[in-house]
Amino acid sequence: MSVEDDIIEKIQRALNPVHLDVTNESHMHNVPPGSESHFKVVVVADEFIGKMLVARHRIINKVLAEELEGPVHALALHTITPDEWSEKGAAPDSPPCLGGGK
């Protein structure tokens, strides 16, 4: 199973999100082809209602602790409540990588 598949499965199991989008953005960084080290994760879940952004991120970091200690170098997290999602409808694009010699 790929790292991306593991991330999807763990978040689905832990949060039963209304919407989940996991994008491997490793190709945007100075890593070998086929790497799974940089991800954009958009999670829309009831679990985030009433929680500050840092608390939302801590939830995801706990769910993905194993991946963060191993293959995952970076997560661009967008943790959104269903009401916020209905207002925004999308997460912002990730900026281009400026480091690593690329």
Protein backbone atom coordinates (compact mmCIF):
# COMPACT_ATOMS: atom_id res chain seq x y z
CA MET A 1 0.00 0.00 0.00
CA SER A 2 1.27 3.47 -0.83
CA VAL A 3 1.87 6.19 1.75
CA GLU A 4 -0.97 8.17 0.16
CA ASP A 5 -3.32 5.19 0.59
CA ASP A 6 -2.25 4.82 4.25
CA ILE A 7 -2.98 8.49 4.90
CA ILE A 8 -6.43 8.21 3.31
CA GLU A 9 -7.30 5.04 5.21
CA LYS A 10 -6.18 6.37 8.60
CA ILE A 11 -8.01 9.68 8.27
CA GLN A 12 -11.16 7.96 6.99
CA ARG A 13 -11.12 5.53 9.92
CA ALA A 14 -10.38 8.17 12.58
CA LEU A 15 -12.61 11.04 11.46
CA ASN A 16 -15.17 9.76 8.93
CA PRO A 17 -14.79 13.04 7.02
CA VAL A 18 -17.47 14.70 4.93
CA HIS A 19 -14.74 15.38 2.35
CA LEU A 20 -11.15 14.17 2.09
CA ASP A 21 -8.59 14.99 -0.55
CA VAL A 22 -4.99 13.79 -0.25
CA THR A 23 -2.58 14.98 -2.93
CA ASN A 24 1.01 13.83 -3.28
CA GLU A 25 2.93 17.04 -3.98
CA SER A 26 6.38 15.48 -3.78
CA HIS A 27 6.98 16.17 -7.48
CA MET A 28 6.98 19.88 -6.60
CA HIS A 29 10.06 19.42 -4.39
CA ASN A 30 13.68 18.38 -4.78
CA VAL A 31 13.13 14.67 -4.16
CA PRO A 32 13.66 11.56 -6.30
CA PRO A 33 10.93 10.69 -8.83
CA GLY A 34 8.17 8.57 -7.30
CA SER A 35 8.71 9.93 -3.79
CA GLU A 36 5.86 10.12 -1.30
CA SER A 37 7.19 12.70 1.13
CA HIS A 38 5.12 15.89 0.65
CA PHE A 39 1.32 15.90 0.82
CA LYS A 40 -1.54 18.35 0.74
CA VAL A 41 -4.39 17.09 2.92
CA VAL A 42 -7.87 18.65 2.86
CA VAL A 43 -10.14 17.26 5.58
CA VAL A 44 -13.71 18.40 6.17
CA ALA A 45 -15.05 16.86 9.37
CA ASP A 46 -17.50 17.46 12.19
CA GLU A 47 -14.62 16.69 14.59
CA PHE A 48 -13.23 20.18 13.89
CA ILE A 49 -16.33 22.09 14.99
CA GLY A 50 -15.47 24.43 17.87
CA LYS A 51 -11.74 23.73 17.67
CA MET A 52 -8.99 26.21 16.90
CA LEU A 53 -6.73 25.55 13.92
CA VAL A 54 -3.83 24.26 16.02
CA ALA A 55 -6.11 21.72 17.75
CA ARG A 56 -7.36 20.53 14.35
CA HIS A 57 -3.81 20.05 13.13
CA ARG A 58 -2.89 18.17 16.29
CA ILE A 59 -5.71 15.72 15.59
CA ILE A 60 -4.33 14.99 12.12
CA ASN A 61 -0.74 14.85 13.38
CA LYS A 62 -1.77 12.27 15.98
CA VAL A 63 -3.63 10.17 13.40
CA LEU A 64 -0.60 10.27 11.08
CA ALA A 65 2.15 10.06 13.73
CA GLU A 66 3.70 6.95 12.18
CA GLU A 67 3.89 8.52 8.72
CA LEU A 68 5.34 11.76 10.13
CA GLU A 69 8.11 9.80 11.84
CA GLY A 70 8.91 7.94 8.65
CA PRO A 71 8.32 8.71 5.00
CA VAL A 72 6.34 11.96 5.25
CA HIS A 73 8.47 15.09 5.40
CA ALA A 74 5.73 17.71 5.03
CA LEU A 75 1.96 18.06 5.26
CA ALA A 76 0.04 21.06 3.99
CA LEU A 77 -3.04 20.72 6.21
CA HIS A 78 -6.41 22.26 5.49
CA THR A 79 -8.74 21.25 8.33
CA ILE A 80 -12.22 22.55 7.75
CA THR A 81 -15.66 22.23 9.33
CA PRO A 82 -18.63 21.39 7.09
CA ASP A 83 -19.99 24.95 7.46
CA GLU A 84 -16.62 26.47 6.53
CA TRP A 85 -16.43 24.13 3.55
CA SER A 86 -19.85 25.19 2.28
CA GLU A 87 -18.64 28.82 2.42
CA LYS A 88 -15.18 28.24 0.85
CA GLY A 89 -15.77 25.21 -1.34
CA ALA A 90 -12.06 24.63 -1.93
CA ALA A 91 -8.65 24.75 -0.29
CA PRO A 92 -5.94 27.07 -1.64
CA ASP A 93 -3.24 25.78 -3.97
CA SER A 94 0.13 25.04 -2.44
CA PRO A 95 2.91 27.51 -3.25
CA PRO A 96 5.88 26.35 -5.32
CA CYS A 97 8.87 24.95 -3.48
CA LEU A 98 11.66 27.52 -3.12
CA GLY A 99 14.23 25.36 -1.36
CA GLY A 100 16.31 22.29 -1.96
CA GLY A 101 18.04 23.58 -5.06
CA LYS A 102 14.95 23.46 -7.27
